Amino acid sequence: MIRGRAIHGAWRALQSSVGTAFKRRSYPLGHAPALDGLRGFLILAVLAGHSNLHFFSGSSIYMDTFFVLSGYLITSLLLLEFERTGSVNLVAFYRGRLRRVYPALCAMVLGVLAISAIIPTTYPMTLIEAAVGLLSFRNYYQFIFDASRMGTSAHMWSLAVEEQFYLLWPVAFIYLIRRWGVSWRAVSLLGCIALSVAVLRAFGMYQGFSRVGHLYPTFHMRADSLLVGCALAFVPRLVDCRKSAILLRRLLMPVLLASIATVFTMEHLAPVYFYSASALASLGSATVIAGLIYANRSVLHRIFENSFLMCCGRISYGLYLWHWPIFIFLIYEGSELMPLRMVLAWILTFMIAALSYSQVEVRFSRRSARKAESRADSLTPETAAA
């Protein structure tokens, strides 16, 4: 009873800390609570899959959802700026991404390097690992040097994919929007490229390409999920999604249940994932995201707007960064007292992620938001276009 109260009290304190920090953040697109909950659901599934819990072996499909969500949000931000100013400030965009990603990333890398230097471990973080991770090259380092067993930075392949997307997509977006504008032709082009990537990945699986080193982590084999999210951001500007609210609402629960069934039944990086499951997961993810934003309230909205999932979603970046090194040190180092090791690993991950969110991420994002607001106040569509 006392332990239960202590755990409950600690969780309430963590929620309070995260909630206080959350109120200081700026959301240019507005805040959708259900998307916070969706992120929380996804990151918990990823953590479960990385906890050596074999019945979560198919949780890799939720990486596709993360990529679709990222493509949707980044493209929505770019479209919003273009609609307001007639242009996209690339320098400001890249500066904002650096402020969003690198402070917490640097804190994690420095922390893990320090722990590796102090505590003897089977999988210490090396300076090469740290440099590769900070340079957003982890996925292609794994591809080129077959370094899939690089311990504490193994999870950073997905951040590398995101960073490569941040680097390339704004330039491609400017060309696309100037060439075809916000049109179905632009959506069709994005869809065709996404389909081509999915076919290329399936062909690579058929040819026997390395799943861990090539098909799974590289940007050119994961771009379809990101592009599906990009295309989704264009759609509400071309059609009234509210007219499809009933259909979207009916699709939400079946798509979610199908994804959960896949998590429990598909083996980790099974051939079917590369042949079809990844592409289908991207389309399903787009449906869920659209449904949570545009459909009438449903059971799924109530589930994802649960305070626990929303809190997990808000600190999801910190959970992502810190969980793998902590799991490596505590779960993968040995088998003695495994239940205790696992519980301790999860508790530490949540505590450090909450600190990362409130003390690092929010502080730097607030500075970025203040600069953006100052720039917006002095900017008119005419000067922006010039």
Protein backbone atom coordinates (compact mmCIF):
# COMPACT_ATOMS: atom_id res chain seq x y z
CA MET A 1 0.00 0.00 0.00
CA ILE A 2 2.78 2.42 0.97
CA ARG A 3 4.75 1.54 -2.17
CA GLY A 4 1.64 2.08 -4.29
CA ARG A 5 1.07 5.50 -2.76
CA ALA A 6 4.72 6.42 -3.28
CA ILE A 7 4.59 5.41 -6.94
CA HIS A 8 1.31 7.28 -7.43
CA GLY A 9 2.77 10.36 -5.74
CA ALA A 10 5.91 10.22 -7.89
CA TRP A 11 3.80 9.93 -11.04
CA ARG A 12 1.64 12.88 -10.03
CA ALA A 13 4.78 14.95 -9.42
CA LEU A 14 6.12 13.97 -12.84
CA GLN A 15 2.81 14.87 -14.51
CA SER A 16 2.79 18.20 -12.73
CA SER A 17 6.32 18.99 -13.86
CA VAL A 18 5.54 18.06 -17.46
CA GLY A 19 2.23 19.95 -17.39
CA THR A 20 3.89 23.11 -16.09
CA ALA A 21 6.55 22.93 -18.79
CA PHE A 22 3.92 22.18 -21.46
CA LYS A 23 2.07 25.43 -20.72
CA ARG A 24 5.22 27.37 -21.61
CA ARG A 25 5.47 25.87 -25.10
CA SER A 26 4.25 27.42 -28.34
CA TYR A 27 2.16 25.46 -30.88
CA PRO A 28 1.92 27.27 -34.26
CA LEU A 29 -0.51 24.66 -35.62
CA GLY A 30 -2.63 24.65 -32.48
CA HIS A 31 -2.71 21.85 -29.96
CA ALA A 32 -4.44 18.54 -30.69
CA PRO A 33 -4.54 16.58 -27.41
CA ALA A 34 -5.31 13.28 -29.17
CA LEU A 35 -2.05 13.55 -31.13
CA ASP A 36 -0.15 13.84 -27.85
CA GLY A 37 -1.89 10.66 -26.74
CA LEU A 38 -1.10 8.97 -30.04
CA ARG A 39 2.59 9.78 -29.57
CA GLY A 40 2.38 8.40 -26.05
CA PHE A 41 0.80 5.18 -27.27
CA LEU A 42 3.45 4.79 -29.96
CA ILE A 43 6.44 5.44 -27.71
CA LEU A 44 5.14 3.04 -25.06
CA ALA A 45 4.83 0.33 -27.71
CA VAL A 46 8.40 1.02 -28.87
CA LEU A 47 9.69 0.88 -25.29
CA ALA A 48 7.86 -2.41 -24.73
CA GLY A 49 9.36 -3.84 -27.89
CA HIS A 50 12.85 -2.78 -26.78
CA SER A 51 12.37 -4.25 -23.30
CA ASN A 52 13.07 -7.74 -24.59
CA LEU A 53 9.35 -8.51 -24.38
CA HIS A 54 9.07 -10.87 -27.33
CA PHE A 55 5.28 -10.62 -27.62
CA PHE A 56 5.78 -7.00 -28.80
CA SER A 57 7.98 -8.14 -31.66
CA GLY A 58 5.97 -6.30 -34.34
CA SER A 59 6.14 -2.87 -32.72
CA SER A 60 8.46 -1.73 -35.53
CA ILE A 61 5.35 -0.80 -37.54
CA TYR A 62 4.82 2.12 -35.19
CA MET A 63 8.03 3.70 -36.48
CA ASP A 64 6.13 4.15 -39.73
CA THR A 65 3.45 6.03 -37.81
CA PHE A 66 6.04 8.31 -36.24
CA PHE A 67 7.41 9.10 -39.71
CA VAL A 68 3.94 9.77 -41.16
CA LEU A 69 3.15 12.07 -38.24
CA SER A 70 6.46 13.90 -38.68
CA GLY A 71 5.89 14.37 -42.42
CA TYR A 72 2.39 15.68 -41.77
CA LEU A 73 3.39 18.17 -39.06
CA ILE A 74 6.50 19.52 -40.78
CA THR A 75 4.66 19.98 -44.08
CA SER A 76 1.74 21.64 -42.29
CA LEU A 77 4.18 24.13 -40.75
CA LEU A 78 5.74 24.85 -44.15
CA LEU A 79 2.32 25.28 -45.78
CA LEU A 80 1.21 27.59 -42.97
CA GLU A 81 4.28 29.80 -43.43
CA PHE A 82 3.90 29.81 -47.20
CA GLU A 83 0.22 30.79 -46.94
CA ARG A 84 1.03 33.61 -44.54
CA THR A 85 4.15 35.03 -46.19
CA GLY A 86 4.33 33.62 -49.72
CA SER A 87 7.70 32.07 -48.99
CA VAL A 88 9.61 29.75 -46.64
CA ASN A 89 12.48 31.04 -44.54
CA LEU A 90 14.92 28.13 -44.76
CA VAL A 91 17.41 29.60 -42.30
CA ALA A 92 14.69 30.04 -39.69
CA PHE A 93 13.37 26.54 -40.35
CA TYR A 94 16.76 24.89 -39.94
CA ARG A 95 17.51 26.96 -36.84
CA GLY A 96 14.21 25.88 -35.33
CA ARG A 97 14.88 22.21 -36.05
CA LEU A 98 18.35 22.49 -34.51
CA ARG A 99 16.90 24.04 -31.37
CA ARG A 100 14.24 21.36 -31.20
CA VAL A 101 16.50 18.36 -31.72
CA TYR A 102 20.05 19.07 -30.62
CA PRO A 103 19.92 20.38 -27.02
CA ALA A 104 18.28 17.21 -25.69
CA LEU A 105 20.33 15.03 -28.05
CA CYS A 106 23.61 16.58 -26.87
CA ALA A 107 22.56 16.17 -23.25
CA MET A 108 21.85 12.47 -23.85
CA VAL A 109 25.12 11.85 -25.71
CA LEU A 110 27.22 13.62 -23.08
CA GLY A 111 25.41 11.79 -20.29
CA VAL A 112 25.89 8.36 -21.86
CA LEU A 113 29.55 9.11 -22.65
CA ALA A 114 30.09 10.03 -18.99
CA ILE A 115 28.37 6.87 -17.76
CA SER A 116 30.37 4.76 -20.20
CA ALA A 117 33.60 6.29 -18.90
CA ILE A 118 32.72 5.78 -15.23
CA ILE A 119 30.87 2.46 -15.13
CA PRO A 120 32.31 -0.69 -16.78
CA THR A 121 29.80 -1.93 -19.34
CA THR A 122 29.65 -4.35 -22.24
CA TYR A 123 28.25 -1.69 -24.58
CA PRO A 124 29.95 1.66 -23.83
CA MET A 125 29.27 4.60 -26.09
CA THR A 126 32.40 5.40 -28.07
CA LEU A 127 33.42 8.75 -29.46
CA ILE A 128 32.75 7.39 -32.96
CA GLU A 129 29.21 6.48 -31.95
CA ALA A 130 28.70 9.92 -30.44
CA ALA A 131 30.02 11.72 -33.53
CA VAL A 132 27.99 9.57 -35.93
CA GLY A 133 24.85 10.20 -33.88
CA LEU A 134 25.37 13.96 -33.61
CA LEU A 135 26.07 14.22 -37.34
CA SER A 136 22.76 12.48 -38.12
CA PHE A 137 24.59 9.74 -39.99
CA ARG A 138 23.80 6.77 -37.77
CA ASN A 139 21.61 5.01 -40.33
CA TYR A 140 24.09 5.20 -43.20
CA TYR A 141 27.02 4.37 -40.95
CA GLN A 142 25.10 1.21 -40.15
CA PHE A 143 24.51 0.63 -43.87
CA ILE A 144 28.10 1.26 -44.99
CA PHE A 145 30.01 -0.42 -42.16
CA ASP A 146 27.46 -3.07 -41.14
CA ALA A 147 27.52 -1.60 -37.64
CA SER A 148 24.08 -2.80 -36.58
CA ARG A 149 25.40 -3.97 -33.22
CA MET A 150 26.60 -0.50 -32.19
CA GLY A 151 25.17 -0.62 -28.68
CA THR A 152 23.96 2.54 -27.03
CA SER A 153 23.37 4.50 -30.24
CA ALA A 154 21.51 1.77 -32.15
CA HIS A 155 18.18 3.58 -31.79
CA MET A 156 19.50 6.81 -33.33
CA TRP A 157 19.00 5.55 -36.88
CA SER A 158 15.44 6.88 -36.81
CA LEU A 159 16.53 10.31 -35.63
CA ALA A 160 19.02 10.33 -38.52
CA VAL A 161 16.15 9.60 -40.94
CA GLU A 162 14.19 12.51 -39.45
CA GLU A 163 17.14 14.89 -39.67
CA GLN A 164 17.83 13.94 -43.28
CA PHE A 165 14.16 14.61 -44.01
CA TYR A 166 14.40 18.02 -42.31
CA LEU A 167 17.42 18.85 -44.46
CA LEU A 168 16.01 17.80 -47.84
CA TRP A 169 12.25 18.28 -47.69
CA PRO A 170 11.98 22.08 -47.24
CA VAL A 171 14.01 22.65 -50.43
CA ALA A 172 11.92 20.08 -52.31
CA PHE A 173 8.76 21.63 -50.84
CA ILE A 174 9.65 25.08 -52.18
CA TYR A 175 10.19 23.65 -55.66
CA LEU A 176 6.97 21.63 -55.47
CA ILE A 177 4.83 24.49 -54.23
CA ARG A 178 6.19 26.94 -56.83
CA ARG A 179 5.87 24.43 -59.66
CA TRP A 180 2.41 23.01 -58.92
CA GLY A 181 1.09 24.90 -55.91
CA VAL A 182 -1.29 23.26 -53.45
CA SER A 183 -2.90 20.89 -55.91
CA TRP A 184 -3.90 17.29 -56.47
CA ARG A 185 -1.03 17.09 -58.94
CA ALA A 186 1.42 17.76 -56.10
CA VAL A 187 -0.32 15.14 -53.93
CA SER A 188 -0.22 12.64 -56.81
CA LEU A 189 3.51 13.23 -57.32
CA LEU A 190 4.21 12.63 -53.63
CA GLY A 191 2.08 9.49 -53.74
CA CYS A 192 3.89 8.15 -56.80
CA ILE A 193 7.30 8.71 -55.21
CA ALA A 194 6.11 7.04 -52.00
CA LEU A 195 4.81 4.08 -53.97
CA SER A 196 8.13 3.83 -55.81
CA VAL A 197 10.01 3.70 -52.51
CA ALA A 198 7.70 0.96 -51.21
CA VAL A 199 8.23 -1.06 -54.39
CA LEU A 200 12.00 -0.54 -54.17
CA ARG A 201 11.98 -1.80 -50.58
CA ALA A 202 9.97 -4.89 -51.55
CA PHE A 203 12.37 -5.52 -54.45
CA GLY A 204 15.31 -5.17 -52.06
CA MET A 205 13.73 -7.76 -49.77
CA TYR A 206 13.24 -10.09 -52.74
CA GLN A 207 16.89 -9.61 -53.76
CA GLY A 208 18.09 -10.42 -50.25
CA PHE A 209 19.34 -7.00 -49.19
CA SER A 210 20.30 -6.71 -45.53
CA ARG A 211 17.20 -6.02 -43.46
CA VAL A 212 19.00 -4.52 -40.45
CA GLY A 213 21.71 -2.69 -42.38
CA HIS A 214 19.87 -1.47 -45.50
CA LEU A 215 16.12 -1.96 -45.77
CA TYR A 216 15.15 -0.86 -42.26
CA PRO A 217 17.30 2.15 -41.30
CA THR A 218 18.18 4.04 -44.49
CA PHE A 219 16.39 7.21 -45.53
CA HIS A 220 15.88 6.14 -49.14
CA MET A 221 14.09 2.99 -47.94
CA ARG A 222 11.93 4.79 -45.34
CA ALA A 223 10.98 7.93 -47.27
CA ASP A 224 7.56 6.57 -48.27
CA SER A 225 6.17 6.95 -44.73
CA LEU A 226 7.39 10.54 -44.55
CA LEU A 227 5.96 11.33 -47.99
CA VAL A 228 2.56 9.89 -47.05
CA GLY A 229 2.53 12.36 -44.16
CA CYS A 230 3.58 15.19 -46.49
CA ALA A 231 0.77 14.36 -48.91
CA LEU A 232 -1.73 14.19 -46.04
CA ALA A 233 -0.89 17.79 -45.07
CA PHE A 234 -1.98 18.99 -48.55
CA VAL A 235 -5.35 17.21 -48.53
CA PRO A 236 -7.28 19.44 -46.05
CA ARG A 237 -6.44 22.42 -48.25
CA LEU A 238 -7.99 20.73 -51.27
CA VAL A 239 -11.09 19.12 -49.80
CA ASP A 240 -13.29 19.62 -46.76
CA CYS A 241 -12.25 16.70 -44.55
CA ARG A 242 -15.21 17.36 -42.27
CA LYS A 243 -17.44 15.88 -44.97
CA SER A 244 -15.62 12.58 -44.47
CA ALA A 245 -15.83 12.77 -40.68
CA ILE A 246 -18.24 9.84 -40.36
CA LEU A 247 -16.11 7.59 -42.57
CA LEU A 248 -12.92 8.54 -40.73
CA ARG A 249 -14.57 7.87 -37.39
CA ARG A 250 -15.67 4.41 -38.51
CA LEU A 251 -12.17 3.58 -39.72
CA LEU A 252 -10.30 4.67 -36.59
CA MET A 253 -10.90 1.69 -34.33
CA PRO A 254 -10.50 -1.06 -36.99
CA VAL A 255 -7.18 0.43 -38.13
CA LEU A 256 -5.89 0.69 -34.55
CA LEU A 257 -6.96 -2.88 -33.74
CA ALA A 258 -5.30 -4.14 -36.93
CA SER A 259 -2.05 -2.43 -35.91
CA ILE A 260 -2.19 -3.94 -32.42
CA ALA A 261 -2.81 -7.40 -33.88
CA THR A 262 0.23 -6.92 -36.12
CA VAL A 263 2.39 -5.94 -33.14
CA PHE A 264 1.54 -9.22 -31.40
CA THR A 265 1.69 -11.53 -34.41
CA MET A 266 4.42 -10.26 -36.74
CA GLU A 267 8.02 -11.25 -36.06
CA HIS A 268 10.59 -8.50 -35.73
CA LEU A 269 11.64 -7.34 -39.22
CA ALA A 270 9.83 -10.25 -40.85
CA PRO A 271 9.87 -10.31 -44.68
CA VAL A 272 6.19 -9.35 -44.78
CA TYR A 273 7.10 -6.05 -43.09
CA PHE A 274 9.25 -5.02 -46.05
CA TYR A 275 6.95 -6.49 -48.70
CA SER A 276 3.73 -4.85 -47.55
CA ALA A 277 3.22 -4.23 -43.81
CA SER A 278 5.30 -1.04 -43.69
CA ALA A 279 3.42 0.54 -46.60
CA LEU A 280 0.05 -0.50 -45.20
CA ALA A 281 1.05 0.84 -41.78
CA SER A 282 1.81 4.22 -43.37
CA LEU A 283 -1.60 4.40 -45.03
CA GLY A 284 -3.32 3.28 -41.84
CA SER A 285 -1.36 5.86 -39.86
CA ALA A 286 -2.49 8.62 -42.21
CA THR A 287 -6.09 7.49 -41.69
CA VAL A 288 -5.73 7.57 -37.89
CA ILE A 289 -4.06 11.00 -37.90
CA ALA A 290 -6.76 12.45 -40.17
CA GLY A 291 -9.47 10.83 -38.05
CA LEU A 292 -8.10 12.21 -34.78
CA ILE A 293 -7.96 15.72 -36.26
CA TYR A 294 -11.07 15.92 -38.44
CA ALA A 295 -13.51 13.21 -37.35
CA ASN A 296 -16.20 13.69 -34.74
CA ARG A 297 -15.22 12.63 -31.23
CA SER A 298 -15.02 8.89 -30.80
CA VAL A 299 -13.89 6.26 -28.33
CA LEU A 300 -10.38 6.60 -29.74
CA HIS A 301 -10.33 10.31 -28.94
CA ARG A 302 -11.20 9.54 -25.33
CA ILE A 303 -8.50 6.86 -25.17
CA PHE A 304 -5.76 9.06 -26.59
CA GLU A 305 -6.79 12.07 -24.52
CA ASN A 306 -6.15 10.07 -21.37
CA SER A 307 -3.82 12.08 -19.11
CA PHE A 308 -1.26 9.26 -18.88
CA LEU A 309 -0.90 8.85 -22.66
CA MET A 310 -0.84 12.60 -23.21
CA CYS A 311 1.94 12.99 -20.64
CA CYS A 312 3.92 10.20 -22.32
CA GLY A 313 3.39 11.90 -25.67
CA ARG A 314 4.70 15.23 -24.44
CA ILE A 315 7.93 13.66 -23.18
CA SER A 316 8.16 11.18 -26.07
CA TYR A 317 11.35 12.70 -27.47
CA GLY A 318 13.12 12.30 -24.15
CA LEU A 319 11.75 8.79 -23.76
CA TYR A 320 13.05 7.97 -27.24
CA LEU A 321 16.51 9.41 -26.61
CA TRP A 322 17.14 7.92 -23.18
CA HIS A 323 15.33 4.60 -23.13
CA TRP A 324 17.77 2.62 -25.28
CA PRO A 325 21.03 3.49 -23.45
CA ILE A 326 19.29 2.89 -20.12
CA PHE A 327 17.84 -0.41 -21.34
CA ILE A 328 21.28 -1.43 -22.63
CA PHE A 329 22.88 -0.74 -19.26
CA LEU A 330 20.16 -2.31 -17.12
CA ILE A 331 18.27 -4.92 -19.19
CA TYR A 332 20.77 -6.20 -21.72
CA GLU A 333 23.80 -6.41 -19.41
CA GLY A 334 22.66 -9.58 -17.65
CA SER A 335 19.74 -11.77 -16.69
CA GLU A 336 19.85 -11.67 -12.88
CA LEU A 337 16.88 -10.00 -11.17
CA MET A 338 15.41 -9.20 -14.59
CA PRO A 339 11.96 -8.00 -13.41
CA LEU A 340 13.63 -5.56 -11.02
CA ARG A 341 16.05 -4.43 -13.71
CA MET A 342 13.18 -3.81 -16.13
CA VAL A 343 11.11 -1.81 -13.64
CA LEU A 344 14.13 0.27 -12.67
CA ALA A 345 14.96 0.91 -16.35
CA TRP A 346 11.44 2.18 -17.07
CA ILE A 347 11.37 4.39 -13.95
CA LEU A 348 14.75 5.96 -14.76
CA THR A 349 13.72 6.49 -18.37
CA PHE A 350 10.57 8.37 -17.37
CA MET A 351 12.35 10.46 -14.74
CA ILE A 352 15.16 11.55 -17.06
CA ALA A 353 12.75 12.13 -19.97
CA ALA A 354 10.63 14.42 -17.79
CA LEU A 355 13.74 16.37 -16.77
CA SER A 356 14.84 16.57 -20.39
CA TYR A 357 11.45 17.93 -21.41
CA SER A 358 11.09 20.55 -18.66
CA GLN A 359 14.70 21.64 -18.27
CA VAL A 360 16.12 21.30 -21.79
CA GLU A 361 13.54 20.95 -24.57
CA VAL A 362 11.04 23.57 -23.41
CA ARG A 363 13.72 26.11 -22.51
CA PHE A 364 15.27 26.04 -25.97
CA SER A 365 11.95 25.81 -27.83
CA ARG A 366 10.71 28.91 -25.98
CA ARG A 367 13.74 30.86 -27.16
CA SER A 368 13.07 29.70 -30.71
CA ALA A 369 9.37 30.59 -30.42
CA ARG A 370 10.17 34.10 -29.17
CA LYS A 371 12.49 34.68 -32.13
CA ALA A 372 9.86 33.36 -34.55
CA GLU A 373 7.20 35.65 -33.06
CA SER A 374 9.55 38.61 -33.30
CA ARG A 375 10.32 37.79 -36.92
CA ALA A 376 6.64 37.33 -37.76
CA ASP A 377 5.76 40.73 -36.24
CA SER A 378 8.21 42.46 -38.59
CA LEU A 379 7.31 40.42 -41.68
CA THR A 380 4.65 41.13 -44.27
CA PRO A 381 3.70 38.91 -47.20
CA GLU A 382 5.25 41.46 -49.56
CA THR A 383 8.64 41.54 -47.82
CA ALA A 384 8.63 37.79 -47.33
CA ALA A 385 8.01 37.15 -51.00
CA ALA A 386 10.82 39.55 -51.86
